[in-house]
């Protein structure tokens, strides 16, 4: 799939970290407990879907697929003149 000449690749790894934490920050938490919390919650910060541009095209999270398909269809369709 392409949009404006850029190739679009969908990857579930297209995630970015937010500043929001799934568990509260603590200065007095041991490294062992911190490691267990990271393992349980999947990281220190929440991850949200995103898109980024590379020299070869665009990498997007699959959650953007419907919106990008609609955008490419609206770009490729010619307005009808009646």
PDB file of N, CA and C in Angstrom:
ATOM      1  N   UNK A   1       0.845  -1.156   0.000  1.00  0.00           N
ATOM      2  CA  UNK A   1       0.000   0.000   0.000  1.00  0.00           C
ATOM      3  C   UNK A   1       0.901   1.232   0.000  1.00  0.00           C
ATOM      4  N   UNK A   2       0.475   2.276  -0.677  1.00  0.00           N
ATOM      5  CA  UNK A   2       1.267   3.496  -0.702  1.00  0.00           C
ATOM      6  C   UNK A   2       0.352   4.710  -0.585  1.00  0.00           C
ATOM      7  N   UNK A   3       0.907   5.762  -0.038  1.00  0.00           N
ATOM      8  CA  UNK A   3       0.196   7.014   0.141  1.00  0.00           C
ATOM      9  C   UNK A   3       1.138   8.130  -0.292  1.00  0.00           C
ATOM     10  N   UNK A   4       0.741   8.864  -1.305  1.00  0.00           N
ATOM     11  CA  UNK A   4       1.541   9.978  -1.840  1.00  0.00           C
ATOM     12  C   UNK A   4       2.934   9.498  -2.240  1.00  0.00           C
ATOM     13  N   UNK A   5       3.020   8.301  -2.788  1.00  0.00           N
ATOM     14  CA  UNK A   5       4.293   7.773  -3.255  1.00  0.00           C
ATOM     15  C   UNK A   5       5.152   7.139  -2.176  1.00  0.00           C
ATOM     16  N   UNK A   6       4.697   7.128  -0.936  1.00  0.00           N
ATOM     17  CA  UNK A   6       5.448   6.501   0.153  1.00  0.00           C
ATOM     18  C   UNK A   6       4.848   5.139   0.461  1.00  0.00           C
ATOM     19  N   UNK A   7       5.696   4.162   0.582  1.00  0.00           N
ATOM     20  CA  UNK A   7       5.242   2.813   0.904  1.00  0.00           C
ATOM     21  C   UNK A   7       4.878   2.741   2.389  1.00  0.00           C
ATOM     22  N   UNK A   8       3.727   2.149   2.702  1.00  0.00           N
ATOM     23  CA  UNK A   8       3.268   2.030   4.085  1.00  0.00           C
ATOM     24  C   UNK A   8       3.393   0.575   4.522  1.00  0.00           C
ATOM     25  N   UNK A   9       4.093   0.355   5.635  1.00  0.00           N
ATOM     26  CA  UNK A   9       4.261  -0.966   6.215  1.00  0.00           C
ATOM     27  C   UNK A   9       3.602  -0.957   7.591  1.00  0.00           C
ATOM     28  N   UNK A  10       2.829  -1.989   7.899  1.00  0.00           N
ATOM     29  CA  UNK A  10       2.159  -2.089   9.190  1.00  0.00           C
ATOM     30  C   UNK A  10       2.942  -3.043  10.082  1.00  0.00           C
ATOM     31  N   UNK A  11       3.219  -2.594  11.297  1.00  0.00           N
ATOM     32  CA  UNK A  11       3.978  -3.400  12.242  1.00  0.00           C
ATOM     33  C   UNK A  11       3.405  -3.207  13.648  1.00  0.00           C
ATOM     34  N   UNK A  12       3.200  -4.303  14.389  1.00  0.00           N
ATOM     35  CA  UNK A  12       2.724  -4.154  15.761  1.00  0.00           C
ATOM     36  C   UNK A  12       3.793  -3.563  16.681  1.00  0.00           C
ATOM     37  N   UNK A  13       5.008  -3.436  16.186  1.00  0.00           N
ATOM     38  CA  UNK A  13       6.089  -2.852  16.978  1.00  0.00           C
ATOM     39  C   UNK A  13       6.145  -1.335  16.877  1.00  0.00           C
ATOM     40  N   UNK A  14       5.255  -0.735  16.098  1.00  0.00           N
ATOM     41  CA  UNK A  14       5.234   0.727  15.958  1.00  0.00           C
ATOM     42  C   UNK A  14       4.542   1.328  17.177  1.00  0.00           C
ATOM     43  N   UNK A  15       5.289   1.440  18.260  1.00  0.00           N
ATOM     44  CA  UNK A  15       4.777   1.954  19.524  1.00  0.00           C
ATOM     45  C   UNK A  15       5.724   3.023  20.041  1.00  0.00           C
ATOM     46  N   UNK A  16       5.174   3.967  20.781  1.00  0.00           N
ATOM     47  CA  UNK A  16       6.021   4.954  21.445  1.00  0.00           C
ATOM     48  C   UNK A  16       5.654   4.988  22.917  1.00  0.00           C
ATOM     49  N   UNK A  17       6.621   5.366  23.732  1.00  0.00           N
ATOM     50  CA  UNK A  17       6.388   5.430  25.169  1.00  0.00           C
ATOM     51  C   UNK A  17       5.811   6.788  25.538  1.00  0.00           C
ATOM     52  N   UNK A  18       4.876   6.785  26.483  1.00  0.00           N
ATOM     53  CA  UNK A  18       4.320   8.021  27.011  1.00  0.00           C
ATOM     54  C   UNK A  18       4.997   8.321  28.345  1.00  0.00           C
ATOM     55  N   UNK A  19       4.634   9.418  28.952  1.00  0.00           N
ATOM     56  CA  UNK A  19       5.193   9.742  30.265  1.00  0.00           C
ATOM     57  C   UNK A  19       4.376   9.127  31.390  1.00  0.00           C
ATOM     58  N   UNK A  20       3.271   8.456  31.023  1.00  0.00           N
ATOM     59  CA  UNK A  20       2.401   7.826  32.023  1.00  0.00           C
ATOM     60  C   UNK A  20       2.981   6.477  32.434  1.00  0.00           C
ATOM     61  N   UNK A  21       2.988   6.218  33.725  1.00  0.00           N
ATOM     62  CA  UNK A  21       3.526   4.960  34.251  1.00  0.00           C
ATOM     63  C   UNK A  21       2.383   4.025  34.663  1.00  0.00           C
ATOM     64  N   UNK A  22       2.528   2.702  34.416  1.00  0.00           N
ATOM     65  CA  UNK A  22       1.483   1.763  34.851  1.00  0.00           C
ATOM     66  C   UNK A  22       1.527   1.492  36.354  1.00  0.00           C
ATOM     67  N   UNK A  23       2.637   1.822  37.015  1.00  0.00           N
ATOM     68  CA  UNK A  23       2.744   1.674  38.460  1.00  0.00           C
ATOM     69  C   UNK A  23       3.459   2.920  38.997  1.00  0.00           C
ATOM     70  N   UNK A  24       3.154   3.330  40.225  1.00  0.00           N
ATOM     71  CA  UNK A  24       3.726   4.582  40.735  1.00  0.00           C
ATOM     72  C   UNK A  24       5.233   4.519  40.923  1.00  0.00           C
ATOM     73  N   UNK A  25       5.859   5.660  40.736  1.00  0.00           N
ATOM     74  CA  UNK A  25       7.304   5.756  40.919  1.00  0.00           C
ATOM     75  C   UNK A  25       7.614   5.793  42.413  1.00  0.00           C
ATOM     76  N   UNK A  26       8.693   5.138  42.796  1.00  0.00           N
ATOM     77  CA  UNK A  26       9.083   5.110  44.196  1.00  0.00           C
ATOM     78  C   UNK A  26      10.605   5.162  44.295  1.00  0.00           C
ATOM     79  N   UNK A  27      11.105   6.035  45.151  1.00  0.00           N
ATOM     80  CA  UNK A  27      12.552   6.113  45.351  1.00  0.00           C
ATOM     81  C   UNK A  27      13.051   4.984  46.238  1.00  0.00           C
ATOM     82  N   UNK A  28      12.164   4.405  47.037  1.00  0.00           N
ATOM     83  CA  UNK A  28      12.581   3.413  48.022  1.00  0.00           C
ATOM     84  C   UNK A  28      12.323   1.975  47.582  1.00  0.00           C
ATOM     85  N   UNK A  29      11.970   1.781  46.317  1.00  0.00           N
ATOM     86  CA  UNK A  29      11.682   0.443  45.819  1.00  0.00           C
ATOM     87  C   UNK A  29      12.995  -0.243  45.448  1.00  0.00           C
ATOM     88  N   UNK A  30      13.123  -1.512  45.795  1.00  0.00           N
ATOM     89  CA  UNK A  30      14.352  -2.236  45.473  1.00  0.00           C
ATOM     90  C   UNK A  30      14.406  -2.551  43.980  1.00  0.00           C
ATOM     91  N   UNK A  31      15.597  -2.810  43.480  1.00  0.00           N
ATOM     92  CA  UNK A  31      15.765  -3.149  42.062  1.00  0.00           C
ATOM     93  C   UNK A  31      15.050  -4.448  41.725  1.00  0.00           C
ATOM     94  N   UNK A  32      15.008  -5.378  42.657  1.00  0.00           N
ATOM     95  CA  UNK A  32      14.348  -6.661  42.419  1.00  0.00           C
ATOM     96  C   UNK A  32      12.842  -6.473  42.217  1.00  0.00           C
ATOM     97  N   UNK A  33      12.212  -5.672  43.055  1.00  0.00           N
ATOM     98  CA  UNK A  33      10.774  -5.419  42.930  1.00  0.00           C
ATOM     99  C   UNK A  33      10.491  -4.609  41.668  1.00  0.00           C
ATOM    100  N   UNK A  34      11.346  -3.642  41.376  1.00  0.00           N
ATOM    101  CA  UNK A  34      11.175  -2.835  40.162  1.00  0.00           C
ATOM    102  C   UNK A  34      11.227  -3.726  38.918  1.00  0.00           C
ATOM    103  N   UNK A  35      12.142  -4.678  38.909  1.00  0.00           N
ATOM    104  CA  UNK A  35      12.261  -5.615  37.786  1.00  0.00           C
ATOM    105  C   UNK A  35      10.993  -6.459  37.649  1.00  0.00           C
ATOM    106  N   UNK A  36      10.422  -6.898  38.766  1.00  0.00           N
ATOM    107  CA  UNK A  36       9.193  -7.691  38.717  1.00  0.00           C
ATOM    108  C   UNK A  36       8.010  -6.861  38.216  1.00  0.00           C
ATOM    109  N   UNK A  37       7.939  -5.595  38.623  1.00  0.00           N
ATOM    110  CA  UNK A  37       6.862  -4.725  38.150  1.00  0.00           C
ATOM    111  C   UNK A  37       6.979  -4.474  36.656  1.00  0.00           C
ATOM    112  N   UNK A  38       8.188  -4.278  36.177  1.00  0.00           N
ATOM    113  CA  UNK A  38       8.388  -4.074  34.739  1.00  0.00           C
ATOM    114  C   UNK A  38       7.973  -5.319  33.965  1.00  0.00           C
ATOM    115  N   UNK A  39       8.311  -6.483  34.484  1.00  0.00           N
ATOM    116  CA  UNK A  39       7.922  -7.725  33.819  1.00  0.00           C
ATOM    117  C   UNK A  39       6.402  -7.895  33.812  1.00  0.00           C
ATOM    118  N   UNK A  40       5.739  -7.564  34.907  1.00  0.00           N
ATOM    119  CA  UNK A  40       4.288  -7.716  35.006  1.00  0.00           C
ATOM    120  C   UNK A  40       3.539  -6.730  34.119  1.00  0.00           C
ATOM    121  N   UNK A  41       3.973  -5.473  34.099  1.00  0.00           N
ATOM    122  CA  UNK A  41       3.250  -4.439  33.368  1.00  0.00           C
ATOM    123  C   UNK A  41       3.783  -4.172  31.970  1.00  0.00           C
ATOM    124  N   UNK A  42       4.853  -4.833  31.575  1.00  0.00           N
ATOM    125  CA  UNK A  42       5.349  -4.713  30.208  1.00  0.00           C
ATOM    126  C   UNK A  42       6.222  -3.502  29.949  1.00  0.00           C
ATOM    127  N   UNK A  43       6.753  -2.897  30.964  1.00  0.00           N
ATOM    128  CA  UNK A  43       7.636  -1.753  30.786  1.00  0.00           C
ATOM    129  C   UNK A  43       7.378  -0.696  31.829  1.00  0.00           C
ATOM    130  N   UNK A  44       8.293   0.253  31.899  1.00  0.00           N
ATOM    131  CA  UNK A  44       8.156   1.295  32.911  1.00  0.00           C
ATOM    132  C   UNK A  44       7.152   2.364  32.498  1.00  0.00           C
ATOM    133  N   UNK A  45       6.989   2.571  31.188  1.00  0.00           N
ATOM    134  CA  UNK A  45       6.053   3.570  30.696  1.00  0.00           C
ATOM    135  C   UNK A  45       5.038   2.912  29.778  1.00  0.00           C
ATOM    136  N   UNK A  46       3.850   3.492  29.687  1.00  0.00           N
ATOM    137  CA  UNK A  46       2.806   2.966  28.794  1.00  0.00           C
ATOM    138  C   UNK A  46       3.232   3.170  27.347  1.00  0.00           C
ATOM    139  N   UNK A  47       2.804   2.261  26.492  1.00  0.00           N
ATOM    140  CA  UNK A  47       3.113   2.348  25.068  1.00  0.00           C
ATOM    141  C   UNK A  47       1.810   2.567  24.296  1.00  0.00           C
ATOM    142  N   UNK A  48       1.848   3.478  23.335  1.00  0.00           N
ATOM    143  CA  UNK A  48       0.676   3.788  22.523  1.00  0.00           C
ATOM    144  C   UNK A  48       1.042   3.631  21.052  1.00  0.00           C
ATOM    145  N   UNK A  49       0.072   3.282  20.199  1.00  0.00           N
ATOM    146  CA  UNK A  49       0.350   3.132  18.770  1.00  0.00           C
ATOM    147  C   UNK A  49       0.805   4.457  18.150  1.00  0.00           C
ATOM    148  N   UNK A  50       1.670   4.346  17.149  1.00  0.00           N
ATOM    149  CA  UNK A  50       2.153   5.547  16.469  1.00  0.00           C
ATOM    150  C   UNK A  50       2.541   5.195  15.031  1.00  0.00           C
ATOM    151  N   UNK A  51       2.978   6.222  14.320  1.00  0.00           N
ATOM    152  CA  UNK A  51       3.497   6.067  12.961  1.00  0.00           C
ATOM    153  C   UNK A  51       4.801   6.840  12.892  1.00  0.00           C
ATOM    154  N   UNK A  52       5.747   6.344  12.103  1.00  0.00           N
ATOM    155  CA  UNK A  52       6.946   7.119  11.868  1.00  0.00           C
ATOM    156  C   UNK A  52       7.410   6.935  10.446  1.00  0.00           C
ATOM    157  N   UNK A  53       8.196   7.899   9.990  1.00  0.00           N
ATOM    158  CA  UNK A  53       8.671   7.888   8.611  1.00  0.00           C
ATOM    159  C   UNK A  53      10.134   7.461   8.579  1.00  0.00           C
ATOM    160  N   UNK A  54      10.435   6.581   7.664  1.00  0.00           N
ATOM    161  CA  UNK A  54      11.802   6.146   7.426  1.00  0.00           C
ATOM    162  C   UNK A  54      12.187   6.585   6.017  1.00  0.00           C
ATOM    163  N   UNK A  55      13.449   6.458   5.643  1.00  0.00           N
ATOM    164  CA  UNK A  55      13.822   6.800   4.264  1.00  0.00           C
ATOM    165  C   UNK A  55      13.124   5.922   3.227  1.00  0.00           C
ATOM    166  N   UNK A  56      12.630   4.758   3.640  1.00  0.00           N
ATOM    167  CA  UNK A  56      12.014   3.820   2.705  1.00  0.00           C
ATOM    168  C   UNK A  56      10.497   3.910   2.679  1.00  0.00           C
ATOM    169  N   UNK A  57       9.901   4.671   3.584  1.00  0.00           N
ATOM    170  CA  UNK A  57       8.449   4.791   3.613  1.00  0.00           C
ATOM    171  C   UNK A  57       7.949   5.096   5.008  1.00  0.00           C
ATOM    172  N   UNK A  58       6.728   4.658   5.289  1.00  0.00           N
ATOM    173  CA  UNK A  58       6.082   4.911   6.571  1.00  0.00           C
ATOM    174  C   UNK A  58       5.843   3.581   7.273  1.00  0.00           C
ATOM    175  N   UNK A  59       6.153   3.530   8.568  1.00  0.00           N
ATOM    176  CA  UNK A  59       5.853   2.360   9.399  1.00  0.00           C
ATOM    177  C   UNK A  59       4.711   2.775  10.322  1.00  0.00           C
ATOM    178  N   UNK A  60       3.615   2.027  10.296  1.00  0.00           N
ATOM    179  CA  UNK A  60       2.429   2.377  11.074  1.00  0.00           C
ATOM    180  C   UNK A  60       1.956   1.176  11.878  1.00  0.00           C
ATOM    181  N   UNK A  61       1.337   1.466  13.003  1.00  0.00           N
ATOM    182  CA  UNK A  61       0.729   0.423  13.826  1.00  0.00           C
ATOM    183  C   UNK A  61      -0.549  -0.054  13.118  1.00  0.00           C
ATOM    184  N   UNK A  62      -0.920  -1.328  13.225  1.00  0.00           N
ATOM    185  CA  UNK A  62      -2.118  -1.831  12.554  1.00  0.00           C
ATOM    186  C   UNK A  62      -3.413  -1.128  12.960  1.00  0.00           C
ATOM    187  N   UNK A  63      -3.438  -0.455  14.087  1.00  0.00           N
ATOM    188  CA  UNK A  63      -4.664   0.261  14.480  1.00  0.00           C
ATOM    189  C   UNK A  63      -4.960   1.432  13.547  1.00  0.00           C
ATOM    190  N   UNK A  64      -3.977   1.888  12.775  1.00  0.00           N
ATOM    191  CA  UNK A  64      -4.171   2.971  11.820  1.00  0.00           C
ATOM    192  C   UNK A  64      -4.583   2.463  10.433  1.00  0.00           C
ATOM    193  N   UNK A  65      -4.702   1.164  10.269  1.00  0.00           N
ATOM    194  CA  UNK A  65      -4.921   0.589   8.944  1.00  0.00           C
ATOM    195  C   UNK A  65      -6.219   1.079   8.295  1.00  0.00           C
ATOM    196  N   UNK A  66      -7.322   1.084   9.029  1.00  0.00           N
ATOM    197  CA  UNK A  66      -8.610   1.500   8.453  1.00  0.00           C
ATOM    198  C   UNK A  66      -8.566   2.965   8.025  1.00  0.00           C
ATOM    199  N   UNK A  67      -7.995   3.817   8.849  1.00  0.00           N
ATOM    200  CA  UNK A  67      -7.923   5.238   8.515  1.00  0.00           C
ATOM    201  C   UNK A  67      -7.028   5.477   7.303  1.00  0.00           C
ATOM    202  N   UNK A  68      -5.918   4.749   7.219  1.00  0.00           N
ATOM    203  CA  UNK A  68      -5.024   4.923   6.075  1.00  0.00           C
ATOM    204  C   UNK A  68      -5.638   4.367   4.796  1.00  0.00           C
ATOM    205  N   UNK A  69      -6.373   3.262   4.896  1.00  0.00           N
ATOM    206  CA  UNK A  69      -7.056   2.727   3.712  1.00  0.00           C
ATOM    207  C   UNK A  69      -8.085   3.724   3.199  1.00  0.00           C
ATOM    208  N   UNK A  70      -8.820   4.339   4.113  1.00  0.00           N
ATOM    209  CA  UNK A  70      -9.809   5.331   3.718  1.00  0.00           C
ATOM    210  C   UNK A  70      -9.122   6.549   3.094  1.00  0.00           C
ATOM    211  N   UNK A  71      -7.984   6.955   3.637  1.00  0.00           N
ATOM    212  CA  UNK A  71      -7.260   8.104   3.097  1.00  0.00           C
ATOM    213  C   UNK A  71      -6.715   7.807   1.707  1.00  0.00           C
ATOM    214  N   UNK A  72      -6.183   6.605   1.498  1.00  0.00           N
ATOM    215  CA  UNK A  72      -5.643   6.271   0.180  1.00  0.00           C
ATOM    216  C   UNK A  72      -6.764   6.133  -0.840  1.00  0.00           C
ATOM    217  N   UNK A  73      -7.932   5.624  -0.428  1.00  0.00           N
ATOM    218  CA  UNK A  73      -9.056   5.517  -1.357  1.00  0.00           C
ATOM    219  C   UNK A  73      -9.582   6.889  -1.746  1.00  0.00           C
ATOM    220  N   UNK A  74      -9.614   7.828  -0.809  1.00  0.00           N
ATOM    221  CA  UNK A  74     -10.113   9.163  -1.133  1.00  0.00           C
ATOM    222  C   UNK A  74      -9.122   9.923  -2.005  1.00  0.00           C
ATOM    223  N   UNK A  75      -7.829   9.631  -1.888  1.00  0.00           N
ATOM    224  CA  UNK A  75      -6.821  10.295  -2.713  1.00  0.00           C
ATOM    225  C   UNK A  75      -6.850   9.747  -4.134  1.00  0.00           C
ATOM    226  N   UNK A  76      -7.046   8.437  -4.280  1.00  0.00           N
ATOM    227  CA  UNK A  76      -6.998   7.822  -5.613  1.00  0.00           C
ATOM    228  C   UNK A  76      -8.263   8.048  -6.412  1.00  0.00           C
ATOM    229  N   UNK A  77      -9.385   8.314  -5.754  1.00  0.00           N
ATOM    230  CA  UNK A  77     -10.633   8.520  -6.492  1.00  0.00           C
ATOM    231  C   UNK A  77     -10.658   9.935  -7.059  1.00  0.00           C
ATOM    232  N   UNK A  78     -10.994  10.023  -8.324  1.00  0.00           N
ATOM    233  CA  UNK A  78     -11.114  11.317  -8.996  1.00  0.00           C
ATOM    234  C   UNK A  78     -12.489  11.902  -8.711  1.00  0.00           C
ATOM    235  N   UNK A  79     -12.582  13.185  -8.441  1.00  0.00           N
ATOM    236  CA  UNK A  79     -13.906  13.771  -8.270  1.00  0.00           C
ATOM    237  C   UNK A  79     -14.653  13.757  -9.597  1.00  0.00           C
ATOM    238  N   UNK A  80     -15.893  13.346  -9.548  1.00  0.00           N
ATOM    239  CA  UNK A  80     -16.676  13.249 -10.779  1.00  0.00           C
ATOM    240  C   UNK A  80     -17.204  14.632 -11.168  1.00  0.00           C
ATOM    241  N   UNK A  81     -17.095  14.936 -12.436  1.00  0.00           N
ATOM    242  CA  UNK A  81     -17.623  16.210 -12.942  1.00  0.00           C
ATOM    243  C   UNK A  81     -18.900  15.919 -13.710  1.00  0.00           C
ATOM    244  N   UNK A  82     -19.991  16.444 -13.220  1.00  0.00           N
ATOM    245  CA  UNK A  82     -21.277  16.160 -13.859  1.00  0.00           C
ATOM    246  C   UNK A  82     -21.879  17.402 -14.461  1.00  0.00           C
TER     247      UNK A  82
END
